Each structure stands twice: as C-alpha cells, then as structure tokens.
Protein backbone atom coordinates (compact mmCIF):
# COMPACT_ATOMS: atom_id res chain seq x y z
CA MET A 1 22.01 29.76 -1.27
CA LEU A 2 22.56 26.06 -0.48
CA GLY A 3 26.19 26.74 0.51
CA THR A 4 25.01 29.39 2.97
CA VAL A 5 22.52 26.94 4.50
CA LEU A 6 25.21 24.26 4.97
CA LEU A 7 27.58 26.69 6.67
CA LEU A 8 24.86 28.02 8.95
CA LEU A 9 23.75 24.53 9.92
CA ALA A 10 27.32 23.69 10.83
CA LEU A 11 27.38 26.65 13.19
CA ALA A 12 23.85 26.14 14.52
CA LYS A 13 24.15 22.42 15.21
CA THR A 14 26.65 21.38 17.86
CA ALA A 15 27.24 17.91 19.22
CA CYS A 16 27.79 18.88 22.87
CA PRO A 17 27.28 21.80 25.31
CA SER A 18 29.21 24.87 24.17
CA PRO A 19 30.76 27.94 25.76
CA ALA A 20 29.05 31.31 25.48
CA SER A 21 30.97 32.21 22.33
CA VAL A 22 29.61 29.17 20.47
CA VAL A 23 26.09 29.88 21.76
CA SER A 24 26.44 33.38 20.36
CA ARG A 25 27.63 31.97 17.03
CA ARG A 26 24.62 29.65 16.96
CA ALA A 27 22.24 32.58 17.49
CA GLU A 28 24.01 34.51 14.73
CA ALA A 29 23.85 31.49 12.41
CA LEU A 30 20.11 31.05 12.99
CA LYS A 31 19.55 34.74 12.28
CA LYS A 32 21.44 34.38 9.00
CA LEU A 33 19.40 31.27 8.20
CA LEU A 34 16.24 33.33 8.69
CA GLU A 35 17.61 35.81 6.15
CA VAL A 36 17.93 32.94 3.67
CA PHE A 37 14.18 32.42 4.18
CA GLY A 38 13.53 36.15 3.77
CA MET A 39 12.70 36.89 7.42
CA GLU A 40 14.18 39.11 10.12
CA ASP A 41 12.69 37.17 13.04
CA PRO A 42 10.87 33.85 13.27
CA PRO A 43 7.07 34.27 13.35
CA ALA A 44 5.47 33.57 16.73
CA PRO A 45 3.63 30.22 16.79
CA PRO A 46 -0.19 30.59 16.91
CA ALA A 47 -1.50 31.22 20.43
CA HIS A 48 -3.99 28.36 20.04
CA PHE A 49 -4.03 25.32 17.80
CA LYS A 50 -5.08 26.33 14.30
CA GLN A 51 -5.95 24.13 11.38
CA PRO A 52 -4.51 25.55 8.14
CA PRO A 53 -7.01 26.03 5.30
CA GLN A 54 -7.39 22.78 3.37
CA TYR A 55 -6.87 24.66 0.12
CA MET A 56 -3.36 25.67 1.24
CA VAL A 57 -2.53 22.14 2.40
CA ASP A 58 -3.72 20.70 -0.91
CA LEU A 59 -1.76 23.31 -2.84
CA PHE A 60 1.41 22.44 -0.92
CA ASN A 61 0.91 18.72 -1.66
CA THR A 62 0.38 19.52 -5.35
CA VAL A 63 3.49 21.66 -5.62
CA ALA A 64 5.89 19.71 -3.37
CA ASN A 65 6.74 16.21 -2.19
CA ALA A 66 6.75 15.22 1.49
CA ASP A 67 10.15 16.89 1.99
CA GLY A 68 8.88 20.15 0.51
CA VAL A 69 11.02 19.74 -2.62
CA THR A 70 9.35 21.18 -5.72
CA LYS A 71 7.81 18.59 -8.04
CA ASN A 72 7.37 20.98 -10.92
CA PRO A 73 8.78 24.54 -10.83
CA ASP A 74 6.09 25.80 -13.24
CA ILE A 75 3.01 24.99 -11.14
CA LEU A 76 3.02 28.17 -9.03
CA GLU A 77 2.47 31.62 -10.42
CA GLY A 78 5.20 33.58 -8.62
CA ASN A 79 6.97 32.25 -5.52
CA THR A 80 4.48 33.14 -2.75
CA VAL A 81 0.85 32.24 -1.99
CA ARG A 82 -0.82 33.97 0.96
CA SER A 83 -4.20 33.16 2.50
CA PHE A 84 -6.30 35.57 4.60
CA LEU A 85 -9.49 34.80 6.52
CA ASP A 86 -12.38 37.25 6.69
CA LYS A 87 -12.20 39.61 9.69
CA THR A 88 -15.83 40.80 9.76
CA HIS A 89 -17.35 37.58 11.21
CA SER A 90 -20.69 38.88 9.96
CA GLU A 91 -23.77 37.06 8.69
CA GLU A 92 -24.10 39.71 5.97
CA MET A 93 -22.23 39.23 2.73
CA ARG A 94 -19.64 41.88 3.56
CA PHE A 95 -16.02 40.75 3.83
CA LEU A 96 -12.83 42.41 5.04
CA PHE A 97 -9.29 41.05 4.71
CA VAL A 98 -6.31 42.67 6.45
CA LEU A 99 -3.29 42.63 4.11
CA SER A 100 -0.69 44.26 6.37
CA SER A 101 1.64 41.24 6.08
CA VAL A 102 2.10 41.71 2.32
CA ALA A 103 5.58 43.16 1.81
CA LYS A 104 6.02 46.32 -0.26
CA ASN A 105 8.35 44.54 -2.67
CA GLU A 106 5.81 41.80 -3.47
CA LYS A 107 4.28 41.99 -6.93
CA ILE A 108 0.57 41.16 -6.88
CA LEU A 109 -0.05 38.61 -9.65
CA THR A 110 -3.52 37.19 -8.91
CA ALA A 111 -6.04 37.62 -6.11
CA GLU A 112 -8.99 35.28 -5.55
CA LEU A 113 -12.00 35.39 -3.25
CA HIS A 114 -12.93 31.86 -2.12
CA LEU A 115 -16.52 31.46 -0.85
CA PHE A 116 -18.15 28.21 0.23
CA ARG A 117 -21.61 27.84 -1.32
CA LEU A 118 -24.09 26.29 1.12
CA TRP A 119 -26.94 24.04 0.05
CA PRO A 120 -29.84 26.19 -1.24
CA ARG A 121 -32.65 27.07 1.11
CA VAL A 122 -35.72 24.87 0.96
CA THR A 123 -38.57 26.97 -0.49
CA GLU A 124 -42.26 26.24 -0.71
CA GLY A 125 -43.83 25.65 -4.07
CA PRO A 126 -42.12 24.86 -7.39
CA LYS A 127 -38.54 26.06 -7.92
CA LYS A 128 -38.47 29.00 -10.31
CA HIS A 129 -34.71 29.19 -10.80
CA HIS A 130 -31.88 26.74 -11.34
CA PHE A 131 -29.25 29.49 -11.34
CA CYS A 132 -28.70 32.85 -9.74
CA GLN A 133 -26.28 35.66 -10.46
CA VAL A 134 -23.54 36.31 -7.91
CA SER A 135 -21.73 39.64 -8.09
CA VAL A 136 -18.65 40.72 -6.15
CA TYR A 137 -18.02 44.43 -5.56
CA GLN A 138 -15.15 46.45 -4.15
CA VAL A 139 -16.62 48.72 -1.51
CA LEU A 140 -15.62 52.36 -2.09
CA GLU A 141 -17.87 54.01 0.49
CA LYS A 142 -17.93 51.94 3.69
CA ASP A 143 -21.17 53.39 5.09
CA LYS A 144 -22.94 53.93 1.75
CA PRO A 145 -22.04 51.06 -0.57
CA ASP A 146 -25.45 51.07 -2.30
CA THR A 147 -25.23 54.71 -3.41
CA PRO A 148 -23.93 55.66 -6.89
CA GLY A 149 -20.16 55.46 -6.71
CA GLY A 150 -20.31 53.49 -3.46
CA LYS A 151 -19.02 50.26 -4.99
CA LYS A 152 -17.23 48.92 -8.07
CA LEU A 153 -18.03 45.62 -9.81
CA LEU A 154 -15.15 43.13 -9.81
CA ALA A 155 -16.75 39.87 -10.95
CA ALA A 156 -20.18 38.45 -11.77
CA ARG A 157 -21.43 35.09 -13.03
CA LEU A 158 -24.27 32.58 -12.86
CA VAL A 159 -24.02 29.98 -10.08
CA SER A 160 -25.97 26.73 -9.89
CA LEU A 161 -28.55 26.28 -7.14
CA GLN A 162 -28.31 22.50 -7.32
CA THR A 163 -25.05 21.88 -5.45
CA SER A 164 -22.75 23.13 -2.70
CA GLY A 165 -19.01 23.75 -2.77
CA TRP A 166 -16.35 26.39 -3.30
CA GLU A 167 -16.76 29.32 -5.69
CA VAL A 168 -13.71 31.36 -6.70
CA PHE A 169 -13.88 34.97 -7.96
CA ALA A 170 -10.97 36.97 -9.38
CA ILE A 171 -10.57 40.29 -7.52
CA THR A 172 -7.01 41.28 -8.49
CA PRO A 173 -7.69 45.00 -9.26
CA ALA A 174 -9.14 45.59 -5.77
CA VAL A 175 -6.20 43.96 -3.97
CA ARG A 176 -3.67 45.91 -6.03
CA ASP A 177 -5.58 49.04 -5.08
CA TRP A 178 -5.49 48.10 -1.36
CA THR A 179 -1.78 47.29 -1.30
CA GLU A 180 -0.96 50.64 -2.90
CA ASP A 181 -3.06 52.51 -0.32
CA GLU A 182 -4.22 50.62 2.78
CA SER A 183 -6.90 53.25 3.54
CA ARG A 184 -8.78 52.23 0.38
CA ASN A 185 -9.47 48.79 1.82
CA GLN A 186 -13.16 49.09 2.71
CA GLY A 187 -13.81 45.43 2.03
CA LEU A 188 -15.97 43.50 -0.41
CA LEU A 189 -19.73 43.20 -0.94
CA VAL A 190 -21.38 40.12 -2.49
CA THR A 191 -24.93 40.18 -3.88
CA VAL A 192 -27.21 37.38 -5.09
CA GLN A 193 -29.84 38.10 -7.78
CA GLY A 194 -32.01 36.26 -10.25
CA PRO A 195 -30.56 35.37 -13.69
CA GLY A 196 -31.92 38.60 -15.13
CA GLY A 197 -30.72 40.74 -12.27
CA SER A 198 -34.03 40.62 -10.38
CA LEU A 199 -34.02 40.84 -6.58
CA LEU A 200 -34.62 37.60 -4.72
CA ASP A 201 -35.99 37.89 -1.20
CA PRO A 202 -34.91 35.86 0.57
CA PRO A 203 -31.95 34.94 -1.68
CA PRO A 204 -32.00 31.18 -2.41
CA LEU A 205 -28.21 31.00 -2.24
CA GLN A 206 -26.03 31.58 0.80
CA PHE A 207 -22.29 31.49 1.38
CA ALA A 208 -20.68 30.35 4.62
CA SER A 209 -19.71 33.31 6.79
CA GLY A 210 -16.95 33.79 9.33
CA ARG A 211 -19.44 33.16 12.13
CA GLY A 212 -21.51 30.08 12.78
CA HIS A 213 -19.78 27.87 10.23
CA HIS A 214 -16.92 25.42 10.41
CA GLU A 215 -13.39 26.83 10.16
CA SER A 216 -12.83 24.91 6.91
CA LYS A 217 -15.65 26.81 5.18
CA LYS A 218 -14.75 30.37 6.16
CA PRO A 219 -14.43 33.04 3.45
CA MET A 220 -10.83 33.35 2.30
CA LEU A 221 -8.71 35.62 0.15
CA VAL A 222 -5.89 33.84 -1.70
CA LEU A 223 -3.07 36.00 -3.01
CA PHE A 224 -0.45 34.88 -5.54
CA THR A 225 2.61 37.15 -5.42
CA ASP A 226 6.30 37.26 -6.29
CA ASP A 227 8.94 38.94 -4.13
CA GLY A 228 11.60 38.97 -6.88
CA ARG A 229 14.00 36.68 -4.99
CA ARG A 230 15.84 34.34 -7.33
CA GLY A 231 18.61 31.80 -6.90
CA ALA A 232 21.83 31.24 -8.80
CA SER A 233 21.99 30.51 -12.51
CA LEU A 234 22.60 26.78 -12.02
CA PRO A 235 20.06 24.47 -13.68
CA THR A 236 16.94 23.94 -11.59
CA ALA A 237 14.23 21.35 -11.98
CA GLY A 238 11.49 19.47 -10.22
CA PHE A 239 12.85 16.85 -7.84
CA PRO A 240 12.50 13.44 -9.55
CA GLY A 241 10.63 11.55 -6.86
CA GLY A 242 13.30 11.96 -4.21
CA SER A 243 12.84 10.46 -0.77
CA HIS A 244 13.91 11.73 2.60
CA ALA A 245 17.32 10.21 3.25
CA PRO A 246 17.89 9.67 6.98
CA GLY A 247 20.72 11.07 8.99
CA MET A 248 22.78 14.20 8.75
CA ALA A 249 26.51 13.87 8.25
CA PRO A 250 28.14 15.62 11.24
CA LEU A 251 29.87 18.79 10.15
CA LEU A 252 31.77 19.41 13.35
CA GLY A 253 34.17 17.37 15.45
CA ARG A 254 35.24 15.01 12.66
CA SER A 255 38.67 13.42 12.83
CA ARG A 256 41.48 14.35 10.47
CA SER A 257 41.66 10.77 9.16
CA THR A 258 37.95 10.85 8.28
CA ARG A 259 38.36 14.13 6.40
CA SER A 260 41.36 12.70 4.53
CA LEU A 261 39.29 9.66 3.60
CA ASP A 262 36.58 11.94 2.23
CA ARG A 263 39.06 13.57 -0.12
CA LEU A 264 39.99 10.14 -1.52
CA GLN A 265 36.37 9.33 -2.35
CA PRO A 266 35.16 10.45 -5.81
CA CYS A 267 32.88 13.47 -6.03
CA GLN A 268 29.32 12.48 -5.18
CA ARG A 269 26.16 13.57 -3.38
CA HIS A 270 25.64 12.76 0.31
CA PRO A 271 22.58 13.15 2.61
CA LEU A 272 22.22 16.25 4.78
CA SER A 273 19.00 16.40 6.82
CA VAL A 274 17.62 19.74 7.96
CA ASP A 275 15.30 19.26 10.96
CA PHE A 276 13.14 22.33 11.70
CA GLU A 277 12.17 20.99 15.12
CA GLU A 278 15.83 20.64 16.07
CA ILE A 279 16.56 24.27 15.25
CA GLY A 280 13.40 25.46 17.05
CA TRP A 281 11.12 26.35 14.13
CA SER A 282 8.50 23.60 14.33
CA GLY A 283 6.01 25.90 16.12
CA TRP A 284 5.34 28.03 13.03
CA ILE A 285 6.29 25.76 10.12
CA ILE A 286 3.37 23.52 9.12
CA SER A 287 5.12 21.52 6.38
CA PRO A 288 7.58 20.00 5.88
CA ARG A 289 8.98 18.99 9.27
CA GLY A 290 12.40 18.94 7.63
CA TYR A 291 14.05 18.17 4.31
CA ASN A 292 17.15 16.62 2.79
CA ALA A 293 19.40 19.40 1.49
CA PHE A 294 22.17 16.98 0.38
CA HIS A 295 25.76 18.15 0.02
CA CYS A 296 28.64 17.45 -2.35
CA LYS A 297 31.84 15.83 -1.15
CA GLY A 298 34.80 14.03 -2.67
CA SER A 299 37.82 14.48 -4.91
CA CYS A 300 38.10 15.37 -8.57
CA PRO A 301 41.23 13.44 -9.59
CA PHE A 302 42.85 13.46 -13.02
CA PRO A 303 41.62 12.21 -15.44
CA LEU A 304 38.02 13.34 -14.89
CA GLY A 305 35.49 10.74 -16.03
CA GLU A 306 32.04 11.48 -17.43
CA ASN A 307 30.51 10.16 -14.19
CA MET A 308 31.97 13.21 -12.42
CA ARG A 309 29.96 15.50 -14.71
CA PRO A 310 32.91 17.84 -15.32
CA THR A 311 32.62 21.11 -17.18
CA ASN A 312 35.05 21.74 -20.04
CA HIS A 313 36.74 24.32 -17.84
CA ALA A 314 37.17 21.77 -15.03
CA THR A 315 38.70 19.27 -17.47
CA VAL A 316 41.26 21.84 -18.66
CA GLN A 317 41.99 22.87 -15.07
CA SER A 318 42.49 19.22 -14.10
CA ILE A 319 44.99 18.69 -16.93
CA ILE A 320 46.97 21.84 -16.06
CA ASN A 321 47.04 20.81 -12.39
CA ALA A 322 48.14 17.23 -13.16
CA LEU A 323 50.92 18.30 -15.55
CA LYS A 324 52.03 21.21 -13.33
CA LEU A 325 51.82 23.56 -16.32
CA SER A 326 51.09 26.57 -14.13
CA GLU A 327 51.78 27.38 -10.50
CA GLY A 328 48.95 27.80 -8.02
CA VAL A 329 46.33 25.95 -10.08
CA SER A 330 44.40 23.55 -7.84
CA SER A 331 42.33 20.58 -8.89
CA PRO A 332 38.61 21.18 -9.62
CA CYS A 333 36.16 21.21 -6.72
CA CYS A 334 33.20 18.93 -6.02
CA VAL A 335 30.14 21.21 -6.01
CA PRO A 336 26.40 21.09 -6.84
CA ASP A 337 25.72 21.35 -10.57
CA LYS A 338 21.95 21.14 -10.27
CA LEU A 339 19.82 22.73 -7.54
CA TYR A 340 16.19 22.25 -6.56
CA SER A 341 13.82 24.60 -4.76
CA ILE A 342 11.87 23.78 -1.62
CA ASN A 343 8.48 24.98 -0.37
CA LEU A 344 7.49 25.99 3.15
CA LEU A 345 3.92 26.11 4.42
CA TYR A 346 3.87 28.24 7.57
CA PHE A 347 2.00 30.68 9.81
CA ASP A 348 3.13 34.31 9.53
CA ASP A 349 3.07 36.86 12.38
CA ASP A 350 -0.66 37.48 11.80
CA GLU A 351 -1.41 33.74 11.87
CA ASN A 352 -2.18 33.75 8.15
CA VAL A 353 -1.00 30.66 6.27
CA VAL A 354 1.69 31.25 3.64
CA LEU A 355 3.17 28.94 1.00
CA LYS A 356 6.58 30.13 -0.15
CA GLN A 357 9.05 28.67 -2.63
CA TYR A 358 12.81 29.08 -2.12
CA ASP A 359 15.32 28.52 -4.91
CA ASP A 360 18.62 26.65 -4.66
CA MET A 361 17.96 24.80 -1.40
CA VAL A 362 18.70 21.18 -2.40
CA ALA A 363 21.72 19.78 -4.23
CA GLY A 364 20.19 17.79 -7.07
CA SER A 365 23.49 16.39 -8.34
CA CYS A 366 27.21 17.01 -7.93
CA GLY A 367 30.05 17.50 -10.38
CA CYS A 368 33.63 18.64 -10.70
CA HIS A 369 33.82 22.35 -11.52
C-alpha cells in the first residue's frame, strides 16, 4: 500500500503550473489515493465548526503518536471506531442513533452506549439510597415500549449516586440487529430504579440529554468494527517513538545527476512528508494534519553487509549478479522491510467522527530484497 501512496503523491504533487493533462492525472491520482483510504469520494467538511467528542480524541492519542503512526497495533479491537450522537434531542431517556454510514462489509465487534451521569438531584430529608439500578433496553415497539414484548433488556447494573461522570453500557446485540435490518432500529430506552427494582419518582439520577447540555456531554454510541482490509505480509509493529521529519523529497523534476547520485548511496530510509492540507483534505481530517511516510532509496552493491538487512535470497541474487553467473539477473532492490500502520481521525459524510487504522502506510526500515 505504501508504494501506491508514493506513486500517487508523485502524480498529485507538482512543483509548477501544469497543462490540462497533468491536472487530469492529479485528479486521477487523488481518486486512487482515496481508494487507499477506503473511500470513493472525500467526505464534505462539516457545515459549521464541530468539536469532536473528547472520547474519540483521547482514543486517537492513546492509539497513535502526533503523526498518526500506531504506537501499539494491539490496542484497538478491529480497525475502525465510529461515534454517533443521539438524534432524539429529548429530555426523556429515549435515544436514537442513525447507523447508515456503517458499511455492509463491516463486522460489528463491540457496541457501547456512553451516557454522562449528572450530579444527583438535591432531595429533602435524609438520603435513602446510595445506589440506583440503571437498565438499558432495546426498543422493539416504538409507540408501546412499556407493553409486554415492547422492549428487550440489554444491560443493567447499580450506579453510585455520589458522583458524576461517564457510564458505559454494552449494547452489541441491538446494534448487530439494527445493521442487519435498519427498520428494527427503534432506539434505546433507559430506566432508573431503586436497588431492588422499586420505582423512584422523581428518579434521583439523571443523564445528560442531547438538548440543554454541553456538546461534550451528549449521549453517544461508540462502535468498534473491522472492515476486513489488511496490508501485506511484511512485519508490522508499533512505531518506536518516531518524530515528524520535515520536508518531502521532490519526486518530480529531479536532475539525472541527482538520480545517479542516489543510486550510489547505500540503501536507507529517507523522509517523505504527506501533508493533508496540501492535497485538500484538511477540511474533514481532524488528526493528524500530515505524517511522515518515509521511502527507501539507494543501491544494494555486492557484497551485501548486515547493515543493509538483506534476505538470504537477496544475498544469493547479489552474488549471481556480481559474478555474471546468469543473464538478466539484476542486483537486489532497496525496499521497505518493515511497515507501520497509521490512524486517521475524521468526519464522515454524516458528520460522525471516525477513527480508522490503515496498514502498511509508513516505511519502518529499509533493506535489500
């Protein structure tokens, strides 16, 4: 995948004004680059400024460094995390999340309902309860959820009345049901009862709703999925504390003498900056603003030293080439022998925030193969 990105950047980035044919090639290159990121068209930037959910920002910072390069490939479950805000904007504890942006090929791994618990109401007299029971139901009958068969229990547990903060409930079965048949999505119902299931009127515990509360506290559905996309079989790993190397080596318009000089240099890794603002994607990508893809360049002369990280096959090929033992056998090539994944945090077409991990996007090291 990295090789595709380098070629497309070479076509998309030009040093000076170009004729129509080159403009057309740039457009084609950017379309192909979108395909690398699993998209047909770039999402439209949000109509108004939107602050991404803090949970998604924190998750990105946990998974990736400032360049978006994966710190640890085992942190995420699957390669995609989607967030959805409640669409009901109601004071009642009914919630609806529109999941139309979930692709058919995405496997639902885990679904979580995130609710912000407000400080308990001040009540007269001594406090009778320190906990209450919160239950989350899948609504089966939109207009009659309280009738037998009108709802299905998804999660229930005791919640403290002494603090405020986020509560997370697993609701995976309901979301799998909704993605199989969109018409089944009648939303969720949350109830608050005493520890023994007794009714509390008014309920001492409230959750922030989609109306009348700060954007950062709105009810949210977080979906962990996997779209089945995988990179090559080269070794992958978390990026060992890499920094953003400045500058992008020009890929076009280089002199013949410079290219000849490159071939005399030993195989090694060189910086290659990818700037999302420069290619026109900064309106919908939240983080990173760009990343260092790196690229491999240089010669693999005989004899190959250990510092060139040659494979056994490359060593044999180098010997046969040097001794002219067979016609048409070239010297080994300088290519990536370790690749890292990157993560993008972005707004999709529905202005939901998505965190997606892409394999094989950064050359971790180079060798003669």
